[in-house]
N, C-alpha and C. Protein backbone atom coordinates (compact mmCIF):
# COMPACT_ATOMS: atom_id res chain seq x y z
N VAL A 1 -217.87 -17.10 -94.90
CA VAL A 1 -217.30 -15.94 -95.57
C VAL A 1 -218.33 -15.40 -96.56
N ALA A 2 -218.54 -14.12 -96.51
CA ALA A 2 -219.47 -13.47 -97.44
C ALA A 2 -218.68 -12.49 -98.30
N LEU A 3 -218.85 -12.58 -99.59
CA LEU A 3 -218.24 -11.64 -100.52
C LEU A 3 -219.34 -10.71 -101.00
N VAL A 4 -219.16 -9.42 -100.76
CA VAL A 4 -220.21 -8.45 -101.05
C VAL A 4 -219.69 -7.41 -102.03
N ASP A 5 -220.40 -7.24 -103.14
CA ASP A 5 -220.07 -6.18 -104.09
C ASP A 5 -220.79 -4.91 -103.69
N ILE A 6 -220.21 -3.78 -104.01
CA ILE A 6 -220.82 -2.49 -103.71
C ILE A 6 -222.11 -2.35 -104.52
N ARG A 7 -223.07 -1.73 -103.92
CA ARG A 7 -224.38 -1.49 -104.55
C ARG A 7 -224.21 -1.05 -106.01
N GLY A 8 -224.91 -1.77 -106.90
CA GLY A 8 -224.90 -1.40 -108.31
C GLY A 8 -223.68 -1.87 -109.08
N THR A 9 -222.79 -2.66 -108.45
CA THR A 9 -221.63 -3.20 -109.16
C THR A 9 -221.60 -4.70 -109.00
N GLY A 10 -220.83 -5.36 -109.86
CA GLY A 10 -220.68 -6.80 -109.74
C GLY A 10 -222.01 -7.51 -109.68
N SER A 11 -222.22 -8.30 -108.64
CA SER A 11 -223.45 -9.07 -108.49
C SER A 11 -224.47 -8.40 -107.57
N SER A 12 -224.20 -7.18 -107.13
CA SER A 12 -225.13 -6.50 -106.23
C SER A 12 -226.21 -5.75 -107.00
N GLU A 13 -227.37 -5.71 -106.39
CA GLU A 13 -228.50 -4.99 -106.97
C GLU A 13 -228.38 -3.51 -106.66
N GLY A 14 -229.30 -2.75 -107.21
CA GLY A 14 -229.38 -1.34 -106.88
C GLY A 14 -228.63 -0.46 -107.85
N VAL A 15 -228.64 0.81 -107.54
CA VAL A 15 -228.02 1.83 -108.37
C VAL A 15 -226.63 2.14 -107.81
N LEU A 16 -225.67 2.28 -108.68
CA LEU A 16 -224.31 2.59 -108.30
C LEU A 16 -224.27 3.81 -107.38
N ILE A 17 -223.47 3.72 -106.33
CA ILE A 17 -223.32 4.84 -105.40
C ILE A 17 -222.71 6.04 -106.11
N GLU A 18 -222.89 7.22 -105.53
CA GLU A 18 -222.45 8.47 -106.17
C GLU A 18 -220.93 8.56 -106.27
N TYR A 19 -220.23 8.07 -105.27
CA TYR A 19 -218.76 8.04 -105.24
C TYR A 19 -218.35 7.11 -104.11
N GLU A 20 -217.07 6.85 -103.97
CA GLU A 20 -216.59 5.96 -102.92
C GLU A 20 -216.89 6.49 -101.53
N TYR A 21 -217.14 5.56 -100.62
CA TYR A 21 -217.25 5.84 -99.19
C TYR A 21 -218.40 6.78 -98.83
N THR A 22 -219.47 6.74 -99.58
CA THR A 22 -220.63 7.55 -99.24
C THR A 22 -221.29 7.00 -97.98
N SER A 23 -222.17 7.79 -97.41
CA SER A 23 -222.95 7.30 -96.27
C SER A 23 -223.76 6.08 -96.67
N GLN A 24 -224.27 6.06 -97.90
CA GLN A 24 -225.03 4.90 -98.37
C GLN A 24 -224.17 3.64 -98.37
N GLU A 25 -222.95 3.76 -98.83
CA GLU A 25 -222.05 2.60 -98.85
C GLU A 25 -221.80 2.09 -97.44
N LEU A 26 -221.56 3.00 -96.51
CA LEU A 26 -221.33 2.59 -95.12
C LEU A 26 -222.60 2.06 -94.47
N ASN A 27 -223.76 2.61 -94.83
CA ASN A 27 -225.03 2.05 -94.36
C ASN A 27 -225.19 0.62 -94.85
N ASP A 28 -224.82 0.39 -96.11
CA ASP A 28 -224.91 -0.96 -96.67
C ASP A 28 -223.99 -1.92 -95.91
N CYS A 29 -222.79 -1.47 -95.56
CA CYS A 29 -221.88 -2.30 -94.77
C CYS A 29 -222.51 -2.68 -93.43
N GLU A 30 -223.10 -1.70 -92.78
CA GLU A 30 -223.76 -1.98 -91.49
C GLU A 30 -224.89 -2.98 -91.66
N HIS A 31 -225.64 -2.84 -92.73
CA HIS A 31 -226.76 -3.75 -92.99
C HIS A 31 -226.26 -5.18 -93.20
N VAL A 32 -225.18 -5.34 -93.96
CA VAL A 32 -224.62 -6.67 -94.20
C VAL A 32 -224.11 -7.28 -92.89
N ILE A 33 -223.44 -6.49 -92.08
CA ILE A 33 -222.95 -6.98 -90.78
C ILE A 33 -224.12 -7.46 -89.93
N GLU A 34 -225.18 -6.69 -89.90
CA GLU A 34 -226.37 -7.07 -89.13
C GLU A 34 -226.98 -8.37 -89.65
N LEU A 35 -227.09 -8.50 -90.98
CA LEU A 35 -227.63 -9.72 -91.57
C LEU A 35 -226.77 -10.93 -91.24
N LEU A 36 -225.47 -10.79 -91.36
CA LEU A 36 -224.57 -11.91 -91.07
C LEU A 36 -224.62 -12.29 -89.59
N ALA A 37 -224.68 -11.31 -88.71
CA ALA A 37 -224.73 -11.58 -87.27
C ALA A 37 -226.01 -12.32 -86.90
N GLY A 38 -227.09 -12.04 -87.62
CA GLY A 38 -228.37 -12.67 -87.32
C GLY A 38 -228.62 -13.98 -88.05
N HIS A 39 -227.68 -14.40 -88.87
CA HIS A 39 -227.84 -15.65 -89.64
C HIS A 39 -227.87 -16.84 -88.68
N ALA A 40 -228.66 -17.84 -89.03
CA ALA A 40 -228.83 -19.02 -88.17
C ALA A 40 -227.51 -19.71 -87.85
N ARG A 41 -226.54 -19.68 -88.74
CA ARG A 41 -225.27 -20.37 -88.52
C ARG A 41 -224.19 -19.44 -87.96
N SER A 42 -224.60 -18.26 -87.50
CA SER A 42 -223.65 -17.29 -86.96
C SER A 42 -223.71 -17.26 -85.44
N ASN A 43 -222.59 -16.98 -84.81
CA ASN A 43 -222.58 -16.79 -83.36
C ASN A 43 -222.84 -15.33 -82.99
N GLY A 44 -223.15 -14.50 -84.01
CA GLY A 44 -223.47 -13.10 -83.78
C GLY A 44 -222.27 -12.17 -83.79
N ARG A 45 -221.08 -12.75 -83.92
CA ARG A 45 -219.85 -11.95 -83.93
C ARG A 45 -219.29 -11.96 -85.35
N VAL A 46 -219.17 -10.78 -85.94
CA VAL A 46 -218.74 -10.64 -87.33
C VAL A 46 -217.36 -10.00 -87.37
N GLY A 47 -216.53 -10.52 -88.26
CA GLY A 47 -215.23 -9.92 -88.54
C GLY A 47 -215.22 -9.42 -89.97
N MET A 48 -214.42 -8.42 -90.23
CA MET A 48 -214.28 -7.91 -91.60
C MET A 48 -212.81 -8.00 -92.00
N TYR A 49 -212.60 -8.28 -93.27
CA TYR A 49 -211.24 -8.23 -93.79
C TYR A 49 -211.29 -7.67 -95.19
N GLY A 50 -210.18 -7.17 -95.63
CA GLY A 50 -210.16 -6.66 -96.98
C GLY A 50 -208.81 -6.12 -97.39
N LEU A 51 -208.70 -5.94 -98.68
CA LEU A 51 -207.52 -5.37 -99.32
C LEU A 51 -207.93 -4.08 -100.00
N SER A 52 -207.22 -3.01 -99.72
CA SER A 52 -207.45 -1.71 -100.34
C SER A 52 -208.85 -1.19 -100.00
N TRP A 53 -209.73 -1.10 -100.99
CA TRP A 53 -211.05 -0.51 -100.77
C TRP A 53 -211.79 -1.20 -99.63
N SER A 54 -211.82 -2.53 -99.65
CA SER A 54 -212.54 -3.23 -98.58
C SER A 54 -211.80 -3.10 -97.24
N ALA A 55 -210.50 -2.86 -97.27
CA ALA A 55 -209.78 -2.55 -96.03
C ALA A 55 -210.24 -1.21 -95.48
N PHE A 56 -210.41 -0.21 -96.36
CA PHE A 56 -210.91 1.10 -95.92
C PHE A 56 -212.29 0.94 -95.29
N ASN A 57 -213.17 0.18 -95.97
CA ASN A 57 -214.51 -0.03 -95.44
C ASN A 57 -214.45 -0.68 -94.06
N SER A 58 -213.59 -1.67 -93.91
CA SER A 58 -213.46 -2.35 -92.62
C SER A 58 -213.00 -1.39 -91.53
N LEU A 59 -212.00 -0.58 -91.84
CA LEU A 59 -211.50 0.39 -90.86
C LEU A 59 -212.54 1.46 -90.55
N MET A 60 -213.30 1.88 -91.55
CA MET A 60 -214.36 2.88 -91.33
C MET A 60 -215.45 2.31 -90.43
N MET A 61 -215.79 1.06 -90.64
CA MET A 61 -216.81 0.44 -89.78
C MET A 61 -216.32 0.39 -88.34
N ALA A 62 -215.04 0.05 -88.15
CA ALA A 62 -214.49 -0.09 -86.80
C ALA A 62 -214.32 1.24 -86.07
N THR A 63 -214.13 2.33 -86.80
CA THR A 63 -213.87 3.62 -86.14
C THR A 63 -215.00 4.63 -86.28
N LEU A 64 -215.64 4.66 -87.44
CA LEU A 64 -216.66 5.69 -87.69
C LEU A 64 -218.08 5.22 -87.40
N ARG A 65 -218.37 3.94 -87.61
CA ARG A 65 -219.74 3.45 -87.43
C ARG A 65 -219.90 2.54 -86.20
N ARG A 66 -218.96 1.67 -85.96
CA ARG A 66 -218.92 0.79 -84.80
C ARG A 66 -220.19 -0.03 -84.58
N PRO A 67 -220.61 -0.82 -85.56
CA PRO A 67 -221.79 -1.66 -85.34
C PRO A 67 -221.52 -2.68 -84.23
N PRO A 68 -222.50 -2.95 -83.38
CA PRO A 68 -222.29 -3.83 -82.22
C PRO A 68 -221.82 -5.24 -82.58
N ALA A 69 -222.20 -5.76 -83.73
CA ALA A 69 -221.83 -7.12 -84.10
C ALA A 69 -220.41 -7.23 -84.65
N LEU A 70 -219.76 -6.11 -84.94
CA LEU A 70 -218.40 -6.15 -85.48
C LEU A 70 -217.41 -6.37 -84.33
N HIS A 71 -216.64 -7.46 -84.43
CA HIS A 71 -215.75 -7.82 -83.33
C HIS A 71 -214.28 -7.87 -83.69
N ALA A 72 -213.92 -7.79 -84.97
CA ALA A 72 -212.52 -7.81 -85.36
C ALA A 72 -212.38 -7.34 -86.81
N VAL A 73 -211.18 -6.82 -87.13
CA VAL A 73 -210.89 -6.34 -88.48
C VAL A 73 -209.48 -6.77 -88.87
N PHE A 74 -209.34 -7.26 -90.09
CA PHE A 74 -208.04 -7.50 -90.71
C PHE A 74 -208.00 -6.65 -91.97
N ALA A 75 -207.13 -5.66 -92.00
CA ALA A 75 -207.09 -4.72 -93.13
C ALA A 75 -205.70 -4.72 -93.77
N ALA A 76 -205.66 -5.00 -95.06
CA ALA A 76 -204.41 -4.99 -95.81
C ALA A 76 -204.42 -3.83 -96.79
N HIS A 77 -203.40 -3.02 -96.72
CA HIS A 77 -203.24 -1.88 -97.63
C HIS A 77 -204.41 -0.91 -97.56
N GLY A 78 -204.85 -0.63 -96.35
CA GLY A 78 -205.85 0.40 -96.12
C GLY A 78 -205.15 1.73 -95.87
N SER A 79 -205.91 2.74 -95.61
CA SER A 79 -205.34 4.07 -95.38
C SER A 79 -206.10 4.76 -94.27
N GLU A 80 -205.39 5.60 -93.55
CA GLU A 80 -206.06 6.39 -92.52
C GLU A 80 -206.49 7.75 -93.04
N ASP A 81 -205.97 8.15 -94.19
CA ASP A 81 -206.20 9.49 -94.72
C ASP A 81 -206.51 9.38 -96.22
N LEU A 82 -207.77 9.54 -96.57
CA LEU A 82 -208.18 9.33 -97.96
C LEU A 82 -207.65 10.37 -98.93
N TYR A 83 -207.28 11.52 -98.43
CA TYR A 83 -206.73 12.54 -99.33
C TYR A 83 -205.23 12.33 -99.56
N ASN A 84 -204.48 12.24 -98.48
CA ASN A 84 -203.02 12.19 -98.59
C ASN A 84 -202.46 10.81 -98.87
N ASN A 85 -203.15 9.75 -98.45
CA ASN A 85 -202.56 8.42 -98.53
C ASN A 85 -203.36 7.41 -99.33
N ASP A 86 -204.35 7.83 -100.05
CA ASP A 86 -205.13 6.90 -100.87
C ASP A 86 -204.75 7.16 -102.33
N VAL A 87 -205.43 6.49 -103.24
CA VAL A 87 -205.08 6.61 -104.66
C VAL A 87 -205.58 7.89 -105.30
N HIS A 88 -206.39 8.67 -104.61
CA HIS A 88 -206.98 9.85 -105.23
C HIS A 88 -205.98 10.99 -105.41
N TYR A 89 -205.44 11.47 -104.32
CA TYR A 89 -204.54 12.63 -104.34
C TYR A 89 -203.27 12.32 -103.57
N GLY A 90 -202.56 11.31 -103.95
CA GLY A 90 -201.32 10.99 -103.25
C GLY A 90 -200.36 12.16 -103.28
N ASP A 91 -200.02 12.66 -102.12
CA ASP A 91 -199.13 13.82 -102.00
C ASP A 91 -199.67 15.05 -102.72
N GLY A 92 -200.98 15.18 -102.81
CA GLY A 92 -201.60 16.36 -103.38
C GLY A 92 -201.75 16.36 -104.89
N ILE A 93 -201.41 15.27 -105.55
CA ILE A 93 -201.51 15.20 -107.01
C ILE A 93 -202.58 14.19 -107.38
N LEU A 94 -203.58 14.62 -108.15
CA LEU A 94 -204.67 13.73 -108.55
C LEU A 94 -204.14 12.60 -109.43
N HIS A 95 -204.46 11.39 -109.06
CA HIS A 95 -204.07 10.22 -109.84
C HIS A 95 -205.14 9.91 -110.87
N GLN A 96 -205.17 10.66 -111.94
CA GLN A 96 -206.19 10.48 -112.97
C GLN A 96 -206.10 9.12 -113.63
N ASP A 97 -204.90 8.59 -113.74
CA ASP A 97 -204.74 7.30 -114.40
C ASP A 97 -205.58 6.23 -113.71
N GLU A 98 -205.64 6.26 -112.39
CA GLU A 98 -206.41 5.26 -111.65
C GLU A 98 -207.90 5.39 -111.91
N TYR A 99 -208.40 6.59 -111.93
CA TYR A 99 -209.85 6.75 -112.03
C TYR A 99 -210.37 6.75 -113.45
N ILE A 100 -209.74 7.44 -114.33
CA ILE A 100 -210.24 7.49 -115.70
C ILE A 100 -210.10 6.14 -116.37
N LEU A 101 -208.97 5.48 -116.18
CA LEU A 101 -208.71 4.22 -116.88
C LEU A 101 -209.21 2.99 -116.14
N SER A 102 -209.49 3.12 -114.87
CA SER A 102 -209.84 1.93 -114.11
C SER A 102 -211.23 2.01 -113.50
N VAL A 103 -211.37 2.77 -112.44
CA VAL A 103 -212.59 2.72 -111.64
C VAL A 103 -213.83 3.14 -112.43
N ASP A 104 -213.80 4.29 -113.09
CA ASP A 104 -214.99 4.72 -113.82
C ASP A 104 -215.35 3.76 -114.94
N HIS A 105 -214.36 3.18 -115.60
CA HIS A 105 -214.65 2.20 -116.66
C HIS A 105 -215.21 0.91 -116.08
N GLU A 106 -214.64 0.44 -114.97
CA GLU A 106 -215.16 -0.77 -114.34
C GLU A 106 -216.59 -0.58 -113.87
N ASN A 107 -216.90 0.58 -113.34
CA ASN A 107 -218.26 0.85 -112.87
C ASN A 107 -219.26 0.87 -114.02
N ALA A 108 -218.79 1.08 -115.22
CA ALA A 108 -219.68 1.14 -116.37
C ALA A 108 -220.03 -0.24 -116.91
N LEU A 109 -219.36 -1.28 -116.43
CA LEU A 109 -219.59 -2.63 -116.95
C LEU A 109 -220.63 -3.37 -116.12
N PRO A 110 -221.43 -4.21 -116.76
CA PRO A 110 -222.38 -5.04 -116.00
C PRO A 110 -221.64 -6.18 -115.30
N ALA A 111 -222.37 -6.86 -114.42
CA ALA A 111 -221.78 -7.95 -113.66
C ALA A 111 -221.38 -9.11 -114.57
N SER A 112 -220.28 -9.73 -114.26
CA SER A 112 -219.84 -10.92 -114.97
C SER A 112 -220.49 -12.12 -114.28
N PRO A 113 -220.84 -13.17 -114.97
CA PRO A 113 -220.72 -13.41 -116.40
C PRO A 113 -221.97 -13.04 -117.19
N ASP A 114 -222.93 -12.41 -116.55
CA ASP A 114 -224.21 -12.16 -117.22
C ASP A 114 -224.12 -11.14 -118.35
N TYR A 115 -223.45 -10.05 -118.13
CA TYR A 115 -223.35 -8.98 -119.11
C TYR A 115 -224.71 -8.63 -119.71
N LEU A 116 -225.70 -8.55 -118.84
CA LEU A 116 -227.04 -8.20 -119.28
C LEU A 116 -227.13 -6.68 -119.40
N ILE A 117 -227.17 -6.20 -120.61
CA ILE A 117 -227.28 -4.76 -120.83
C ILE A 117 -228.71 -4.49 -121.30
N ASN A 118 -229.50 -3.94 -120.39
CA ASN A 118 -230.89 -3.63 -120.73
C ASN A 118 -231.13 -2.15 -120.46
N GLU A 119 -232.36 -1.70 -120.63
CA GLU A 119 -232.68 -0.28 -120.48
C GLU A 119 -232.41 0.21 -119.05
N GLN A 120 -232.77 -0.60 -118.06
CA GLN A 120 -232.53 -0.19 -116.67
C GLN A 120 -231.04 0.00 -116.41
N TRP A 121 -230.23 -0.96 -116.84
CA TRP A 121 -228.79 -0.87 -116.64
C TRP A 121 -228.22 0.37 -117.32
N THR A 122 -228.65 0.61 -118.55
CA THR A 122 -228.17 1.78 -119.31
C THR A 122 -228.56 3.07 -118.62
N ASN A 123 -229.81 3.17 -118.18
CA ASN A 123 -230.27 4.39 -117.51
C ASN A 123 -229.50 4.65 -116.23
N GLU A 124 -229.23 3.61 -115.46
CA GLU A 124 -228.49 3.77 -114.21
C GLU A 124 -227.08 4.28 -114.46
N ARG A 125 -226.45 3.81 -115.52
CA ARG A 125 -225.07 4.21 -115.80
C ARG A 125 -224.96 5.65 -116.29
N PHE A 126 -226.01 6.15 -116.91
CA PHE A 126 -225.93 7.49 -117.48
C PHE A 126 -226.62 8.55 -116.62
N THR A 127 -227.11 8.15 -115.44
CA THR A 127 -227.67 9.14 -114.52
C THR A 127 -226.66 9.55 -113.46
N ARG A 128 -225.52 8.90 -113.42
CA ARG A 128 -224.47 9.21 -112.45
C ARG A 128 -223.28 9.85 -113.15
N ARG A 129 -222.74 10.85 -112.50
CA ARG A 129 -221.51 11.46 -113.02
C ARG A 129 -220.35 10.50 -112.78
N PRO A 130 -219.35 10.53 -113.65
CA PRO A 130 -218.15 9.75 -113.35
C PRO A 130 -217.53 10.25 -112.04
N TRP A 131 -217.00 9.33 -111.27
CA TRP A 131 -216.44 9.69 -109.97
C TRP A 131 -215.33 10.71 -110.10
N ILE A 132 -214.58 10.66 -111.18
CA ILE A 132 -213.48 11.60 -111.35
C ILE A 132 -213.98 13.05 -111.30
N ASP A 133 -215.17 13.30 -111.81
CA ASP A 133 -215.73 14.66 -111.77
C ASP A 133 -215.92 15.15 -110.34
N ILE A 134 -216.37 14.26 -109.49
CA ILE A 134 -216.60 14.62 -108.09
C ILE A 134 -215.27 14.91 -107.40
N TYR A 135 -214.27 14.09 -107.65
CA TYR A 135 -212.97 14.31 -107.02
C TYR A 135 -212.31 15.59 -107.51
N LEU A 136 -212.56 15.97 -108.75
CA LEU A 136 -211.99 17.22 -109.27
C LEU A 136 -212.58 18.44 -108.57
N GLU A 137 -213.77 18.30 -107.99
CA GLU A 137 -214.38 19.39 -107.23
C GLU A 137 -213.77 19.54 -105.84
N HIS A 138 -212.98 18.56 -105.43
CA HIS A 138 -212.39 18.55 -104.08
C HIS A 138 -210.89 18.34 -104.20
N GLN A 139 -210.22 19.33 -104.77
CA GLN A 139 -208.78 19.20 -105.00
C GLN A 139 -207.94 19.54 -103.79
N LEU A 140 -208.58 20.05 -102.75
CA LEU A 140 -207.88 20.33 -101.50
C LEU A 140 -208.40 19.39 -100.42
N ASN A 141 -207.65 19.25 -99.36
CA ASN A 141 -208.02 18.35 -98.27
C ASN A 141 -209.13 19.00 -97.44
N ASP A 142 -210.36 18.89 -97.93
CA ASP A 142 -211.51 19.53 -97.29
C ASP A 142 -212.36 18.49 -96.55
N LYS A 143 -213.51 18.92 -96.06
CA LYS A 143 -214.42 18.04 -95.30
C LYS A 143 -214.83 16.81 -96.10
N PHE A 144 -214.91 16.94 -97.42
CA PHE A 144 -215.25 15.81 -98.27
C PHE A 144 -214.34 14.62 -97.97
N TRP A 145 -213.04 14.85 -97.87
CA TRP A 145 -212.08 13.79 -97.59
C TRP A 145 -212.00 13.49 -96.10
N GLN A 146 -212.04 14.51 -95.29
CA GLN A 146 -211.84 14.35 -93.85
C GLN A 146 -212.98 13.58 -93.18
N ASN A 147 -214.20 13.71 -93.68
CA ASN A 147 -215.34 13.05 -93.05
C ASN A 147 -215.24 11.53 -93.07
N HIS A 148 -214.50 10.97 -94.01
CA HIS A 148 -214.38 9.52 -94.09
C HIS A 148 -212.97 9.01 -93.85
N SER A 149 -212.07 9.89 -93.46
CA SER A 149 -210.73 9.46 -93.07
C SER A 149 -210.77 9.08 -91.60
N ILE A 150 -210.09 8.01 -91.26
CA ILE A 150 -210.17 7.51 -89.88
C ILE A 150 -209.10 8.09 -88.97
N LYS A 151 -208.18 8.89 -89.50
CA LYS A 151 -207.04 9.34 -88.70
C LYS A 151 -207.43 10.14 -87.46
N CYS A 152 -208.60 10.72 -87.45
CA CYS A 152 -209.05 11.49 -86.28
C CYS A 152 -210.02 10.69 -85.42
N SER A 153 -210.17 9.42 -85.70
CA SER A 153 -211.19 8.61 -85.01
C SER A 153 -210.61 7.41 -84.28
N TYR A 154 -209.32 7.36 -84.07
CA TYR A 154 -208.73 6.20 -83.41
C TYR A 154 -209.27 6.00 -82.00
N ASP A 155 -209.66 7.06 -81.33
CA ASP A 155 -210.21 6.93 -79.98
C ASP A 155 -211.51 6.12 -79.97
N ASN A 156 -212.17 6.03 -81.11
CA ASN A 156 -213.41 5.25 -81.22
C ASN A 156 -213.16 3.76 -81.38
N LEU A 157 -211.95 3.37 -81.62
CA LEU A 157 -211.63 1.99 -81.93
C LEU A 157 -211.72 1.12 -80.68
N THR A 158 -212.61 0.14 -80.70
CA THR A 158 -212.79 -0.75 -79.55
C THR A 158 -212.67 -2.22 -79.92
N VAL A 159 -212.41 -2.53 -81.18
CA VAL A 159 -212.25 -3.93 -81.61
C VAL A 159 -210.80 -4.16 -82.03
N PRO A 160 -210.33 -5.40 -81.93
CA PRO A 160 -208.96 -5.67 -82.38
C PRO A 160 -208.85 -5.49 -83.90
N VAL A 161 -207.73 -4.88 -84.30
CA VAL A 161 -207.47 -4.63 -85.72
C VAL A 161 -206.06 -5.11 -86.04
N TYR A 162 -205.94 -5.89 -87.09
CA TYR A 162 -204.63 -6.30 -87.59
C TYR A 162 -204.42 -5.54 -88.89
N LEU A 163 -203.38 -4.69 -88.93
CA LEU A 163 -203.06 -3.92 -90.13
C LEU A 163 -201.88 -4.57 -90.84
N LEU A 164 -202.06 -4.81 -92.12
CA LEU A 164 -200.99 -5.38 -92.93
C LEU A 164 -200.61 -4.37 -94.00
N ALA A 165 -199.54 -3.65 -93.77
CA ALA A 165 -198.97 -2.74 -94.77
C ALA A 165 -199.93 -1.66 -95.23
N GLY A 166 -199.37 -0.65 -95.84
CA GLY A 166 -200.15 0.30 -96.61
C GLY A 166 -200.81 1.45 -95.90
N LEU A 167 -200.65 1.62 -94.60
CA LEU A 167 -201.38 2.69 -93.92
C LEU A 167 -201.00 4.06 -94.47
N TYR A 168 -199.79 4.20 -94.95
CA TYR A 168 -199.36 5.48 -95.52
C TYR A 168 -198.99 5.34 -97.00
N ASP A 169 -199.47 4.32 -97.67
CA ASP A 169 -199.15 4.11 -99.09
C ASP A 169 -200.16 4.80 -99.98
N ALA A 170 -199.68 5.66 -100.85
CA ALA A 170 -200.57 6.29 -101.83
C ALA A 170 -200.47 5.53 -103.13
């Protein structure tokens, strides 16, 4: 089992991604799958599982990217529609409480337990806009949301997927 933090958060290196579900984030997922499949103790077949955000990533990999080494997905409380059924704009109303009080603040913190706040860490945190600003620019269900929603990509699904609740939960 591999636990992977998003680039620039937790224990992962690099600069924080611009917002959720960017191409960079999905590229990173593909890279991790490739690394795990090629590991000496691997049979080359990788499965993904997750709750909420990592469930979305798992479903996106299975439908939008389809890396050859991905062979199964277990997704709990994922969503097929990031605009209508995710925490951003449930039923068309921006959930500011989730982003202002949670995600943007969490992204501003260094990895635990190190809490190493140095010049590089500070510069990285202040060169990115808060994610809430980006979502406020996309208050309608436009290509920004549709490009990473899987609801139009089910025909691409070729691996077994176990869904546990939440497909339509905002």
